[in-house]
Amino acid sequence: MSTPSQGDAGQLAELGYDQELKRDIGLFSVFSIGVATVAPVVGLYAIFSLGIQLTGPAWILMLLLSLAGQLTVAFVYSELASEFPIAGGPYHWTSRLAGQRFGMVTGIIYALAVTAALATVAYLAAPWVCLLVTGAEPQGINRALIAMGLLLAALIVNSCGIRVVAVLVNIGIAAEVIGSLGIGVVLILFFKNQPFTILFDTMGTAPTFATFLTALAVSGWAFVGFDASASVAEETTGARSNIPKAIIGATTAVGALVVLVAGAITLASTDLASVVSGGIADPVTAVVTGSLGSWSERPFYAIVVTTFIACIVSMQAYTGRIVFGLARDGVLPASRRLAGVSGASKVPVAAMTLVTVAAGLALLLGLDDKAIGTMISFGTLGLYATFFLVVAAALYARFTGRWRPDGAFRTGKIGDALNVVAFVWLTFETVNIAWPRAELSPPGASELLVWAPLGIFILVALFAVIAVSRIHRKDPA
């Protein structure tokens, strides 16, 4: 059984906290948690069909642009995580850089956004589980019930400790390698039916500037979650050096896999016109099973289910650490209980239980196929808003002299420029994602549902500001 290194525990003490969580994972495991949370297979399934319908195969250029923008964010996050390796990172970082009230608002928005994202992933996983087991998609309330079952199963795994989580997530990474890298390479090498030049073709979609902006908003959905690595910093050995490596490594690896598979599916398609027109509802599965043969259908379902399960477990783990970090500072109601750590496994079970219950309640929206889209959009918007608040706080602290990076990972002279580029990118992309669009809502959605994600986000932000204003705490900044 490993024990926290004196160096890690001492550094945590310097930041004002005792070592309560078990420091039991290394670089590969924390990297795996980041990759599993971003989940290339999961992310691509969520956006491929919509992206290619908007701008044709050329939508892959929007993926590359989004990846470039998110990499600048990853570098800013890495510097912060290296200097402040604390569970629930963004809340602590912004508290130190821009004041505790700003940090509390950031933390509350962050926790609610990731909880919504967790419910979304469980909801999207349910049909794949049912297809694997029964060969048919779930109907009615069964989809929400399966999703709730996945959340409960994940809670059991998470309650066993971070080492057990790491093992399961590593299995998920193996599935990601097979499902992304393996299948992508095989499709390109042996089943390519389109020329590479097709990746720069809009195929008659006649996209406008607004359409490209919509495609860029959709592409942004694929590159969230790398911050999960930072949230388990107190359980990572050599956190000051390993967390930055994990954040940048996970972002780069996921980006490469998403672009590879998106390109491979496009190149291997035998009826690309139908894919672009929306005539094929699930082009990813259709291309994979059509190329490899019908025998590959169930194994492919198994790979997808495994990646979904790893993503759910990882997301639940890091959302629990966000709540734990807030509760430890007394920000939340019942903070003493939520900041509790279990005896043997040394994980914040109470915090993860709260997250699971909240995500389960959010799944009730799944009873209405149109309403569930609101939760999906809110979760993505909330995550980008958190990115923006963190990067804005870092930029403010840099240029007011409140912070100069002093961790094990530093970007040196280009750090200020990277921070500025990340700020500009997130200002643009957060507004772009927030912009109400009928194309990003379920078919037949009312105008109210089109505007609902932005409206709910504004209400959540106002709630966070009002709640924080009622908490009288000393500002440590």
Protein backbone atom coordinates (compact mmCIF):
# COMPACT_ATOMS: atom_id res chain seq x y z
CA MET A 1 0.00 0.00 0.00
CA SER A 2 1.47 3.34 -1.04
CA THR A 3 1.56 6.38 1.19
CA PRO A 4 1.73 10.03 0.19
CA SER A 5 5.20 11.27 -0.44
CA GLN A 6 6.47 13.81 2.05
CA GLY A 7 7.09 16.20 -0.84
CA ASP A 8 3.50 16.06 -2.14
CA ALA A 9 1.96 16.21 1.32
CA GLY A 10 4.26 19.06 2.31
CA GLN A 11 3.37 21.05 -0.81
CA LEU A 12 -0.32 20.52 -0.10
CA ALA A 13 0.19 21.72 3.47
CA GLU A 14 1.81 24.88 2.12
CA LEU A 15 -1.42 25.50 0.22
CA GLY A 16 -3.38 25.16 3.46
CA TYR A 17 -4.73 21.60 3.35
CA ASP A 18 -4.00 18.28 5.03
CA GLN A 19 -3.46 15.11 3.00
CA GLU A 20 -6.86 13.39 3.44
CA LEU A 21 -7.23 11.63 0.09
CA LYS A 22 -5.02 8.66 -0.75
CA ARG A 23 -2.19 9.64 -3.08
CA ASP A 24 -2.15 6.42 -5.06
CA ILE A 25 -1.95 7.06 -8.81
CA GLY A 26 0.86 8.05 -11.16
CA LEU A 27 1.27 9.77 -14.50
CA PHE A 28 -0.31 7.13 -16.74
CA SER A 29 -3.41 6.76 -14.57
CA VAL A 30 -4.03 10.49 -14.26
CA PHE A 31 -3.48 10.81 -18.02
CA SER A 32 -5.99 8.00 -18.54
CA ILE A 33 -8.56 9.80 -16.40
CA GLY A 34 -8.19 12.86 -18.61
CA VAL A 35 -8.52 10.85 -21.83
CA ALA A 36 -11.45 8.78 -20.51
CA THR A 37 -13.31 11.93 -19.52
CA VAL A 38 -12.84 13.64 -22.87
CA ALA A 39 -13.57 10.22 -24.44
CA PRO A 40 -12.79 10.40 -28.18
CA VAL A 41 -15.28 7.66 -29.09
CA VAL A 42 -18.05 9.22 -26.98
CA GLY A 43 -17.36 12.73 -28.22
CA LEU A 44 -17.19 11.77 -31.87
CA TYR A 45 -20.48 9.88 -31.72
CA ALA A 46 -22.14 12.96 -30.27
CA ILE A 47 -21.01 15.35 -33.01
CA PHE A 48 -19.98 13.56 -36.23
CA SER A 49 -23.36 13.42 -37.94
CA LEU A 50 -24.27 17.01 -37.07
CA GLY A 51 -20.87 18.39 -38.02
CA ILE A 52 -20.73 16.78 -41.45
CA GLN A 53 -24.32 17.79 -42.23
CA LEU A 54 -23.49 21.43 -41.52
CA THR A 55 -20.43 21.94 -43.74
CA GLY A 56 -19.76 18.59 -45.39
CA PRO A 57 -16.46 16.72 -44.89
CA ALA A 58 -14.69 20.08 -44.51
CA TRP A 59 -16.06 20.27 -40.96
CA ILE A 60 -12.84 18.49 -39.95
CA LEU A 61 -11.14 21.88 -40.36
CA MET A 62 -13.39 23.20 -37.59
CA LEU A 63 -12.23 20.30 -35.41
CA LEU A 64 -8.62 21.29 -35.98
CA LEU A 65 -9.33 24.95 -35.18
CA SER A 66 -11.18 24.01 -32.00
CA LEU A 67 -8.36 21.69 -30.96
CA ALA A 68 -5.79 24.45 -31.46
CA GLY A 69 -7.82 26.80 -29.30
CA GLN A 70 -8.30 24.24 -26.54
CA LEU A 71 -4.58 23.44 -26.51
CA THR A 72 -3.84 27.03 -25.51
CA VAL A 73 -6.34 26.60 -22.67
CA ALA A 74 -4.64 23.35 -21.67
CA PHE A 75 -1.30 25.16 -21.32
CA VAL A 76 -2.84 27.78 -19.02
CA TYR A 77 -4.52 25.04 -16.97
CA SER A 78 -1.23 23.15 -16.76
CA GLU A 79 0.63 26.10 -15.29
CA LEU A 80 -2.11 26.61 -12.71
CA ALA A 81 -2.33 22.91 -11.84
CA SER A 82 1.43 22.75 -11.40
CA GLU A 83 1.47 25.62 -8.93
CA PHE A 84 -1.82 24.80 -7.18
CA PRO A 85 -2.30 20.99 -7.35
CA ILE A 86 -5.54 20.92 -5.34
CA ALA A 87 -8.71 18.80 -5.74
CA GLY A 88 -11.38 20.72 -7.65
CA GLY A 89 -8.75 22.93 -9.31
CA PRO A 90 -10.63 25.83 -11.00
CA TYR A 91 -12.37 26.94 -7.79
CA HIS A 92 -9.07 27.13 -5.93
CA TRP A 93 -7.16 28.69 -8.80
CA THR A 94 -9.62 31.50 -9.40
CA SER A 95 -9.97 32.12 -5.65
CA ARG A 96 -6.24 32.73 -5.41
CA LEU A 97 -5.99 34.73 -8.62
CA ALA A 98 -9.11 36.90 -8.51
CA GLY A 99 -10.55 36.65 -5.01
CA GLN A 100 -12.59 34.04 -3.18
CA ARG A 101 -15.99 35.33 -4.25
CA PHE A 102 -14.98 35.05 -7.90
CA GLY A 103 -13.66 31.58 -7.16
CA MET A 104 -16.88 30.50 -5.47
CA VAL A 105 -18.98 31.59 -8.44
CA THR A 106 -16.61 29.73 -10.76
CA GLY A 107 -16.74 26.62 -8.58
CA ILE A 108 -20.54 26.52 -8.38
CA ILE A 109 -20.95 26.96 -12.15
CA TYR A 110 -18.27 24.32 -12.70
CA ALA A 111 -19.91 21.78 -10.39
CA LEU A 112 -23.37 22.21 -11.93
CA ALA A 113 -22.04 22.08 -15.50
CA VAL A 114 -20.07 18.87 -14.95
CA THR A 115 -23.04 17.29 -13.16
CA ALA A 116 -25.21 18.06 -16.21
CA ALA A 117 -22.49 16.64 -18.46
CA LEU A 118 -22.35 13.47 -16.33
CA ALA A 119 -26.10 12.98 -16.69
CA THR A 120 -25.77 13.56 -20.43
CA VAL A 121 -23.08 10.92 -20.88
CA ALA A 122 -25.10 8.37 -18.89
CA TYR A 123 -28.16 9.15 -21.02
CA LEU A 124 -26.20 8.78 -24.26
CA ALA A 125 -24.67 5.51 -23.03
CA ALA A 126 -28.00 3.81 -22.31
CA PRO A 127 -28.92 2.90 -25.93
CA TRP A 128 -25.50 1.33 -26.49
CA VAL A 129 -25.85 -0.82 -23.40
CA CYS A 130 -29.26 -1.97 -24.56
CA LEU A 131 -28.03 -2.64 -28.11
CA LEU A 132 -25.17 -4.73 -26.75
CA VAL A 133 -27.38 -6.78 -24.43
CA THR A 134 -30.67 -7.05 -26.35
CA GLY A 135 -29.91 -5.85 -29.88
CA ALA A 136 -32.59 -3.15 -29.63
CA GLU A 137 -32.70 0.43 -28.39
CA PRO A 138 -34.52 1.18 -25.10
CA GLN A 139 -37.94 2.77 -25.27
CA GLY A 140 -39.59 5.37 -23.04
CA ILE A 141 -38.56 5.47 -19.41
CA ASN A 142 -36.23 2.49 -19.84
CA ARG A 143 -33.50 4.74 -21.24
CA ALA A 144 -33.50 6.93 -18.13
CA LEU A 145 -33.59 3.85 -15.86
CA ILE A 146 -30.58 2.29 -17.60
CA ALA A 147 -28.72 5.59 -17.30
CA MET A 148 -29.51 5.74 -13.58
CA GLY A 149 -28.27 2.18 -13.21
CA LEU A 150 -24.98 3.16 -14.85
CA LEU A 151 -24.59 6.07 -12.41
CA LEU A 152 -25.19 3.79 -9.43
CA ALA A 153 -22.74 1.19 -10.72
CA ALA A 154 -20.15 3.93 -11.21
CA LEU A 155 -20.70 5.12 -7.64
CA ILE A 156 -19.95 1.63 -6.34
CA VAL A 157 -16.71 1.56 -8.34
CA ASN A 158 -15.72 5.03 -7.19
CA SER A 159 -16.40 4.17 -3.56
CA CYS A 160 -13.76 1.43 -3.75
CA GLY A 161 -10.96 3.96 -4.13
CA ILE A 162 -8.96 5.82 -6.74
CA ARG A 163 -6.80 2.78 -7.52
CA VAL A 164 -9.87 0.75 -8.56
CA VAL A 165 -11.06 3.70 -10.64
CA ALA A 166 -7.66 3.85 -12.33
CA VAL A 167 -7.81 0.15 -13.25
CA LEU A 168 -11.26 0.47 -14.82
CA VAL A 169 -10.32 3.66 -16.62
CA ASN A 170 -7.20 1.98 -18.01
CA ILE A 171 -9.46 -0.74 -19.45
CA GLY A 172 -11.49 2.04 -21.01
CA ILE A 173 -8.34 3.48 -22.54
CA ALA A 174 -7.57 0.11 -24.10
CA ALA A 175 -11.04 0.18 -25.65
CA GLU A 176 -10.39 3.74 -26.85
CA VAL A 177 -7.18 2.61 -28.54
CA ILE A 178 -9.00 -0.22 -30.32
CA GLY A 179 -12.09 1.84 -31.12
CA SER A 180 -10.27 4.99 -32.20
CA LEU A 181 -6.71 4.34 -33.26
CA GLY A 182 -7.11 0.72 -34.36
CA ILE A 183 -10.32 1.04 -36.33
CA GLY A 184 -9.31 4.43 -37.73
CA VAL A 185 -6.04 3.11 -39.14
CA VAL A 186 -7.68 -0.04 -40.52
CA LEU A 187 -10.39 1.98 -42.29
CA ILE A 188 -7.85 4.28 -43.91
CA LEU A 189 -5.43 1.52 -44.95
CA PHE A 190 -7.88 -1.10 -46.19
CA PHE A 191 -11.33 0.44 -46.72
CA LYS A 192 -10.72 3.92 -48.12
CA ASN A 193 -13.39 4.80 -50.69
CA GLN A 194 -12.88 8.55 -50.96
CA PRO A 195 -9.86 10.67 -51.95
CA PHE A 196 -8.09 12.65 -49.24
CA THR A 197 -9.10 15.86 -51.02
CA ILE A 198 -12.71 15.18 -49.98
CA LEU A 199 -11.76 16.35 -46.47
CA PHE A 200 -11.61 19.91 -47.83
CA ASP A 201 -14.89 19.65 -49.75
CA THR A 202 -18.24 21.01 -48.55
CA MET A 203 -20.08 18.64 -50.96
CA GLY A 204 -22.80 21.05 -51.95
CA THR A 205 -23.81 22.06 -48.44
CA ALA A 206 -23.16 25.70 -49.46
CA PRO A 207 -22.20 26.71 -45.95
CA THR A 208 -22.42 30.35 -44.94
CA PHE A 209 -20.24 32.09 -42.36
CA ALA A 210 -22.97 31.40 -39.80
CA THR A 211 -22.93 27.70 -40.71
CA PHE A 212 -19.19 27.50 -40.14
CA LEU A 213 -19.66 29.18 -36.76
CA THR A 214 -22.25 26.55 -35.88
CA ALA A 215 -19.87 23.77 -36.96
CA LEU A 216 -17.17 25.33 -34.79
CA ALA A 217 -19.56 25.38 -31.84
CA VAL A 218 -20.31 21.69 -32.40
CA SER A 219 -16.59 20.88 -32.69
CA GLY A 220 -16.00 22.49 -29.31
CA TRP A 221 -18.09 19.77 -27.69
CA ALA A 222 -15.35 17.23 -28.48
CA PHE A 223 -12.60 18.84 -26.41
CA VAL A 224 -13.89 19.28 -22.87
CA GLY A 225 -12.94 17.23 -19.84
CA PHE A 226 -9.13 17.35 -19.88
CA ASP A 227 -9.40 19.33 -16.64
CA ALA A 228 -10.42 16.07 -14.94
CA SER A 229 -6.73 15.33 -14.45
CA ALA A 230 -6.36 18.47 -12.33
CA SER A 231 -9.24 17.51 -10.05
CA VAL A 232 -7.48 14.36 -8.84
CA ALA A 233 -4.24 16.24 -8.11
CA GLU A 234 -4.33 15.38 -4.39
CA GLU A 235 -4.36 11.68 -5.30
CA THR A 236 -1.49 11.88 -7.80
CA THR A 237 2.15 11.30 -6.91
CA GLY A 238 4.46 14.03 -8.16
CA ALA A 239 1.40 16.15 -8.89
CA ARG A 240 3.25 19.36 -9.71
CA SER A 241 4.98 17.75 -12.67
CA ASN A 242 2.62 14.90 -13.57
CA ILE A 243 -0.67 16.83 -13.73
CA PRO A 244 0.55 19.27 -16.43
CA LYS A 245 1.90 16.37 -18.49
CA ALA A 246 -1.45 14.60 -18.16
CA ILE A 247 -3.50 17.67 -19.14
CA ILE A 248 -1.47 18.49 -22.25
CA GLY A 249 -0.99 14.83 -23.14
CA ALA A 250 -4.70 14.03 -22.83
CA THR A 251 -5.74 17.06 -24.90
CA THR A 252 -3.23 16.23 -27.63
CA ALA A 253 -4.01 12.51 -27.70
CA VAL A 254 -7.76 13.01 -27.76
CA GLY A 255 -7.48 15.66 -30.44
CA ALA A 256 -5.38 13.40 -32.64
CA LEU A 257 -7.77 10.48 -32.18
CA VAL A 258 -10.91 12.52 -32.87
CA VAL A 259 -9.45 14.00 -36.05
CA LEU A 260 -8.12 10.60 -37.16
CA VAL A 261 -11.43 8.80 -36.70
CA ALA A 262 -13.50 11.64 -38.18
CA GLY A 263 -11.27 11.51 -41.24
CA ALA A 264 -11.31 7.71 -41.39
CA ILE A 265 -15.11 7.48 -41.22
CA THR A 266 -15.40 10.09 -43.97
CA LEU A 267 -12.83 8.42 -46.23
CA ALA A 268 -14.29 4.92 -45.73
CA SER A 269 -17.88 5.93 -46.46
CA THR A 270 -19.33 4.36 -49.60
CA ASP A 271 -22.32 6.73 -49.72
CA LEU A 272 -20.95 10.02 -48.48
CA ALA A 273 -23.76 12.01 -50.09
CA SER A 274 -26.31 10.27 -47.85
CA VAL A 275 -24.14 10.88 -44.79
CA VAL A 276 -23.91 14.60 -45.58
CA SER A 277 -27.63 14.88 -46.30
CA GLY A 278 -28.55 13.14 -43.05
CA GLY A 279 -29.97 10.12 -44.82
CA ILE A 280 -27.89 7.78 -42.63
CA ALA A 281 -28.84 8.29 -39.00
CA ASP A 282 -25.71 6.68 -37.50
CA PRO A 283 -22.92 6.99 -40.07
CA VAL A 284 -20.15 5.92 -37.68
CA THR A 285 -21.63 2.50 -36.93
CA ALA A 286 -22.77 2.11 -40.53
CA VAL A 287 -19.27 2.71 -41.90
CA VAL A 288 -17.51 0.52 -39.32
CA THR A 289 -19.81 -2.49 -39.63
CA GLY A 290 -20.23 -1.99 -43.37
CA SER A 291 -16.46 -2.07 -43.85
CA LEU A 292 -15.50 -4.79 -41.38
CA GLY A 293 -18.59 -6.97 -41.85
CA SER A 294 -21.69 -7.75 -39.81
CA TRP A 295 -19.65 -9.90 -37.39
CA SER A 296 -18.10 -6.70 -36.02
CA GLU A 297 -21.37 -5.17 -34.82
CA ARG A 298 -21.53 -6.65 -31.30
CA PRO A 299 -17.76 -6.32 -30.63
CA PHE A 300 -18.01 -2.71 -31.74
CA TYR A 301 -20.94 -2.14 -29.37
CA ALA A 302 -18.84 -3.65 -26.58
CA ILE A 303 -15.99 -1.23 -27.30
CA VAL A 304 -18.34 1.75 -27.28
CA VAL A 305 -20.03 0.63 -24.04
CA THR A 306 -16.65 0.15 -22.36
CA THR A 307 -15.56 3.66 -23.29
CA PHE A 308 -18.86 5.09 -22.07
CA ILE A 309 -18.56 3.30 -18.72
CA ALA A 310 -14.99 4.52 -18.25
CA CYS A 311 -16.13 8.05 -19.09
CA ILE A 312 -18.99 7.90 -16.56
CA VAL A 313 -16.74 6.57 -13.79
CA SER A 314 -14.08 9.17 -14.50
CA MET A 315 -16.57 12.06 -14.71
CA GLN A 316 -18.26 11.03 -11.48
CA ALA A 317 -14.88 10.82 -9.75
CA TYR A 318 -13.75 14.26 -10.79
CA THR A 319 -17.14 15.90 -10.20
CA GLY A 320 -17.04 14.49 -6.68
CA ARG A 321 -13.64 16.13 -6.15
CA ILE A 322 -15.05 19.47 -7.34
CA VAL A 323 -17.82 19.26 -4.72
CA PHE A 324 -15.31 18.04 -2.11
CA GLY A 325 -13.06 21.03 -2.82
CA LEU A 326 -15.95 23.48 -2.41
CA ALA A 327 -17.27 21.78 0.72
CA ARG A 328 -13.87 21.65 2.39
CA ASP A 329 -13.87 25.46 2.35
CA GLY A 330 -17.43 25.64 3.67
CA VAL A 331 -18.94 26.96 0.44
CA LEU A 332 -21.85 24.49 0.22
CA PRO A 333 -24.73 23.58 2.54
CA ALA A 334 -23.88 20.53 4.67
CA SER A 335 -20.23 21.19 3.87
CA ARG A 336 -18.91 19.19 6.82
CA ARG A 337 -20.62 16.03 5.58
CA LEU A 338 -19.78 16.63 1.91
CA ALA A 339 -16.12 17.19 2.78
CA GLY A 340 -15.95 13.84 4.55
CA VAL A 341 -13.57 11.14 3.35
CA SER A 342 -14.33 7.42 3.69
CA GLY A 343 -12.19 5.39 6.07
CA ALA A 344 -10.47 2.71 3.99
CA SER A 345 -10.67 3.96 0.42
CA LYS A 346 -10.00 7.61 1.32
CA VAL A 347 -12.39 9.03 -1.28
CA PRO A 348 -15.16 11.67 -0.91
CA VAL A 349 -18.11 9.26 -1.03
CA ALA A 350 -20.66 11.79 0.28
CA ALA A 351 -19.71 14.32 -2.39
CA MET A 352 -19.92 11.70 -5.15
CA THR A 353 -23.28 10.50 -3.81
CA LEU A 354 -24.67 14.04 -4.02
CA VAL A 355 -23.40 14.33 -7.59
CA THR A 356 -25.00 10.99 -8.49
CA VAL A 357 -28.37 11.99 -7.03
CA ALA A 358 -28.28 15.35 -8.81
CA ALA A 359 -27.37 13.71 -12.14
CA GLY A 360 -30.13 11.14 -11.60
CA LEU A 361 -32.69 13.91 -11.10
CA ALA A 362 -31.43 15.63 -14.24
CA LEU A 363 -32.10 12.40 -16.14
CA LEU A 364 -35.82 12.99 -15.62
CA LEU A 365 -35.46 15.41 -18.53
CA GLY A 366 -34.71 12.30 -20.58
CA LEU A 367 -38.40 11.43 -20.43
CA ASP A 368 -38.80 14.17 -23.04
CA ASP A 369 -36.47 13.69 -26.02
CA LYS A 370 -36.62 17.40 -26.80
CA ALA A 371 -35.93 18.60 -23.25
CA ILE A 372 -32.81 16.44 -22.87
CA GLY A 373 -31.14 18.61 -25.49
CA THR A 374 -31.36 21.53 -23.08
CA MET A 375 -29.27 19.67 -20.51
CA ILE A 376 -26.67 18.69 -23.10
CA SER A 377 -26.29 22.28 -24.30
CA PHE A 378 -26.25 23.72 -20.77
CA GLY A 379 -23.49 21.33 -19.70
CA THR A 380 -21.29 22.30 -22.64
CA LEU A 381 -21.92 26.02 -22.16
CA GLY A 382 -21.19 25.76 -18.43
CA LEU A 383 -17.89 24.00 -19.08
CA TYR A 384 -16.77 26.63 -21.58
CA ALA A 385 -17.85 29.37 -19.18
CA THR A 386 -15.64 27.76 -16.54
CA PHE A 387 -12.72 27.63 -18.97
CA PHE A 388 -13.30 31.32 -19.69
CA LEU A 389 -13.47 32.34 -16.02
CA VAL A 390 -10.25 30.47 -15.20
CA VAL A 391 -8.33 31.87 -18.16
CA ALA A 392 -9.69 35.38 -17.53
CA ALA A 393 -8.61 35.18 -13.87
CA ALA A 394 -5.15 34.00 -14.91
CA LEU A 395 -4.81 36.82 -17.44
CA TYR A 396 -5.96 39.41 -14.90
CA ALA A 397 -3.51 38.09 -12.31
CA ARG A 398 -0.62 38.07 -14.80
CA PHE A 399 -1.09 41.65 -15.93
CA THR A 400 -1.74 43.05 -12.46
CA GLY A 401 1.34 41.36 -11.06
CA ARG A 402 -0.69 39.17 -8.68
CA TRP A 403 0.66 35.97 -10.23
CA ARG A 404 3.73 34.83 -12.05
CA PRO A 405 3.82 31.07 -12.67
CA ASP A 406 6.11 29.38 -10.18
CA GLY A 407 5.26 25.70 -10.48
CA ALA A 408 7.29 22.83 -11.89
CA PHE A 409 5.69 23.48 -15.31
CA ARG A 410 6.12 26.95 -16.81
CA THR A 411 5.70 28.16 -20.38
CA GLY A 412 8.26 30.91 -19.92
CA LYS A 413 8.26 33.92 -22.22
CA ILE A 414 5.37 32.67 -24.35
CA GLY A 415 3.10 32.17 -21.32
CA ASP A 416 1.54 35.63 -21.52
CA ALA A 417 0.89 35.24 -25.25
CA LEU A 418 -0.68 31.81 -24.76
CA ASN A 419 -2.92 33.23 -22.03
CA VAL A 420 -4.03 36.08 -24.30
CA VAL A 421 -4.78 33.70 -27.19
CA ALA A 422 -6.69 31.36 -24.86
CA PHE A 423 -8.71 34.32 -23.54
CA VAL A 424 -9.59 35.54 -27.04
CA TRP A 425 -10.47 32.00 -28.15
CA LEU A 426 -12.71 31.35 -25.15
CA THR A 427 -14.43 34.73 -25.39
CA PHE A 428 -15.36 33.87 -28.96
CA GLU A 429 -16.21 30.19 -28.47
CA THR A 430 -18.20 30.64 -25.26
CA VAL A 431 -20.42 33.24 -26.97
CA ASN A 432 -20.57 31.01 -30.06
CA ILE A 433 -21.75 28.01 -28.03
CA ALA A 434 -24.20 30.14 -26.03
CA TRP A 435 -25.82 31.56 -29.16
CA PRO A 436 -29.32 30.03 -29.53
CA ARG A 437 -29.58 27.98 -32.72
CA ALA A 438 -32.39 25.81 -33.98
CA GLU A 439 -29.82 23.54 -35.69
CA LEU A 440 -28.42 22.50 -32.32
CA SER A 441 -31.83 21.73 -30.84
CA PRO A 442 -33.79 18.48 -31.31
CA PRO A 443 -36.02 18.37 -34.41
CA GLY A 444 -39.32 20.07 -33.74
CA ALA A 445 -38.08 21.88 -30.64
CA SER A 446 -40.01 25.00 -29.71
CA GLU A 447 -38.45 28.46 -29.59
CA LEU A 448 -38.51 28.16 -25.80
CA LEU A 449 -36.28 25.06 -25.91
CA VAL A 450 -33.92 26.75 -28.37
CA TRP A 451 -33.33 29.56 -25.88
CA ALA A 452 -33.55 27.37 -22.76
CA PRO A 453 -29.81 26.49 -22.39
CA LEU A 454 -28.79 30.17 -22.37
CA GLY A 455 -31.68 31.08 -20.08
CA ILE A 456 -30.85 28.31 -17.61
CA PHE A 457 -27.17 29.26 -17.63
CA ILE A 458 -28.02 32.89 -16.83
CA LEU A 459 -30.24 31.75 -13.96
CA VAL A 460 -27.50 29.45 -12.63
CA ALA A 461 -24.93 32.24 -12.84
CA LEU A 462 -27.26 34.64 -11.00
CA PHE A 463 -27.94 31.98 -8.38
CA ALA A 464 -24.21 31.47 -7.88
CA VAL A 465 -23.59 35.22 -7.52
CA ILE A 466 -26.45 35.68 -5.05
CA ALA A 467 -25.47 32.60 -3.04
CA VAL A 468 -21.86 33.71 -2.80
CA SER A 469 -22.85 37.23 -1.79
CA ARG A 470 -24.55 35.74 1.26
CA ILE A 471 -21.45 33.88 2.37
CA HIS A 472 -19.30 36.09 4.55
CA ARG A 473 -15.82 34.73 4.25
CA LYS A 474 -12.42 36.34 4.37
CA ASP A 475 -10.89 36.84 0.90
CA PRO A 476 -7.49 35.06 0.91
CA ALA A 477 -6.27 36.70 -2.27
